[in-house]
Amino acid sequence: MANKTDWVAEYEAGWSAALDDLVSDGIQAKLVGIAAPVQLKGQLSTGRPFYFRCRWNECSLAVGGADPADIPEWHREVIRENASYLPPQEAMAVLRELLDLYESQ
C-alpha cells in the first residue's frame, strides 16, 4: 500500500483531472474538501450555483439560492457506501447522476 503522502498526491491528481472534465462541460467547480466529506462548490453551465457533498454513506447535490450549501432551491441525495472517501471517478459519476436528475426536473 502506498504511503499517505503518495495517496494524497494521487487523490488530488485525480480530482484535478475530474475538475478539468467539468470545465469542458461548462461547469466551474472548486474542490473545497477532498475527503470526509468530499465537497465541491461552483457554478453550473447555466450560471446557477451548486454544492456537492459526499459524507458518511450519502452524496448530495444542492442547486440555486444565495448559498446552495445552506438553503438551496433544489436538493437531492443518493446513498453510496463510504461516500466520505469516494475516489474522484466514482464521485464524478454520482455528481453526473445527480446533475441528470436536476436537469430532468
Protein backbone atom coordinates (compact mmCIF):
# COMPACT_ATOMS: atom_id res chain seq x y z
CA MET A 1 0.00 0.00 0.00
CA ALA A 2 1.27 3.46 -0.85
CA ASN A 3 2.13 5.80 1.98
CA LYS A 4 -0.23 8.60 2.95
CA THR A 5 1.70 11.27 1.02
CA ASP A 6 1.52 9.21 -2.18
CA TRP A 7 -2.19 8.53 -1.65
CA VAL A 8 -2.97 12.22 -1.17
CA ALA A 9 -0.96 13.21 -4.26
CA GLU A 10 -2.72 10.56 -6.37
CA TYR A 11 -6.13 11.52 -5.00
CA GLU A 12 -5.54 15.24 -5.66
CA ALA A 13 -4.30 14.48 -9.21
CA GLY A 14 -7.49 12.51 -9.82
CA TRP A 15 -9.58 15.45 -8.64
CA SER A 16 -7.62 17.86 -10.80
CA ALA A 17 -8.43 15.76 -13.88
CA ALA A 18 -12.08 15.44 -12.82
CA LEU A 19 -12.42 19.20 -12.40
CA ASP A 20 -10.88 19.71 -15.85
CA ASP A 21 -13.60 17.42 -17.26
CA LEU A 22 -16.27 19.58 -15.63
CA VAL A 23 -14.76 22.72 -17.15
CA SER A 24 -15.04 21.12 -20.59
CA ASP A 25 -18.78 20.79 -19.88
CA GLY A 26 -19.04 24.47 -18.92
CA ILE A 27 -19.18 23.77 -15.19
CA GLN A 28 -16.89 25.78 -12.93
CA ALA A 29 -16.05 23.93 -9.72
CA LYS A 30 -13.65 24.18 -6.83
CA LEU A 31 -12.72 21.27 -4.60
CA VAL A 32 -13.19 22.51 -1.04
CA GLY A 33 -12.78 19.15 0.70
CA ILE A 34 -11.03 16.04 -0.64
CA ALA A 35 -12.32 13.62 2.00
CA ALA A 36 -14.63 13.32 4.99
CA PRO A 37 -16.51 14.97 3.37
CA VAL A 38 -15.76 15.32 -0.32
CA GLN A 39 -17.06 18.80 -1.26
CA LEU A 40 -17.33 20.80 -4.47
CA LYS A 41 -18.71 24.30 -4.92
CA GLY A 42 -19.19 26.17 -8.14
CA GLN A 43 -21.46 27.22 -10.98
CA LEU A 44 -23.30 25.09 -13.49
CA SER A 45 -23.15 25.95 -17.18
CA THR A 46 -26.41 27.87 -16.63
CA GLY A 47 -24.65 30.11 -14.10
CA ARG A 48 -26.59 28.68 -11.16
CA PRO A 49 -24.52 27.99 -8.04
CA PHE A 50 -24.19 24.42 -6.77
CA TYR A 51 -22.81 22.49 -3.82
CA PHE A 52 -21.93 18.78 -4.00
CA ARG A 53 -21.04 16.78 -0.90
CA CYS A 54 -20.31 13.13 -0.15
CA ARG A 55 -20.31 12.30 3.55
CA TRP A 56 -20.87 9.11 5.55
CA ASN A 57 -22.99 6.98 3.18
CA GLU A 58 -24.68 9.76 1.25
CA CYS A 59 -23.91 12.11 -1.62
CA SER A 60 -26.00 15.21 -2.29
CA LEU A 61 -26.31 17.96 -4.84
CA ALA A 62 -27.82 21.32 -3.97
CA VAL A 63 -28.52 23.94 -6.64
CA GLY A 64 -29.62 27.56 -6.56
CA GLY A 65 -30.30 30.02 -3.80
CA ALA A 66 -27.93 32.58 -2.35
CA ASP A 67 -25.90 29.74 -0.76
CA PRO A 68 -26.81 26.26 -2.01
CA ALA A 69 -24.80 24.69 0.84
CA ASP A 70 -27.26 26.30 3.27
CA ILE A 71 -30.68 26.89 1.69
CA PRO A 72 -30.82 25.54 -1.88
CA GLU A 73 -33.70 25.85 -4.29
CA TRP A 74 -33.19 22.20 -5.34
CA HIS A 75 -31.64 19.31 -3.39
CA ARG A 76 -31.32 15.55 -3.90
CA GLU A 77 -29.39 12.78 -2.16
CA VAL A 78 -28.27 9.29 -3.11
CA ILE A 79 -26.85 6.53 -0.94
CA ARG A 80 -23.24 5.47 -1.58
CA GLU A 81 -21.25 3.29 0.80
CA ASN A 82 -18.20 5.06 2.30
CA ALA A 83 -19.13 8.25 0.46
CA SER A 84 -16.71 10.31 2.55
CA TYR A 85 -13.78 8.70 0.74
CA LEU A 86 -15.11 8.11 -2.78
CA PRO A 87 -12.39 8.10 -5.41
CA PRO A 88 -12.69 11.03 -7.83
CA GLN A 89 -14.05 8.94 -10.73
CA GLU A 90 -16.80 7.45 -8.55
CA ALA A 91 -17.70 10.80 -7.03
CA MET A 92 -17.92 12.33 -10.51
CA ALA A 93 -20.25 9.53 -11.64
CA VAL A 94 -22.50 10.32 -8.67
CA LEU A 95 -22.35 14.05 -9.43
CA ARG A 96 -23.33 13.40 -13.05
CA GLU A 97 -26.20 11.15 -11.88
CA LEU A 98 -27.48 13.95 -9.65
CA LEU A 99 -26.98 16.55 -12.39
CA ASP A 100 -29.10 14.39 -14.71
CA LEU A 101 -31.84 14.35 -12.06
CA TYR A 102 -31.62 18.12 -11.70
CA GLU A 103 -31.71 18.72 -15.45
CA SER A 104 -34.71 16.41 -15.89
CA GLN A 105 -36.80 18.48 -13.44
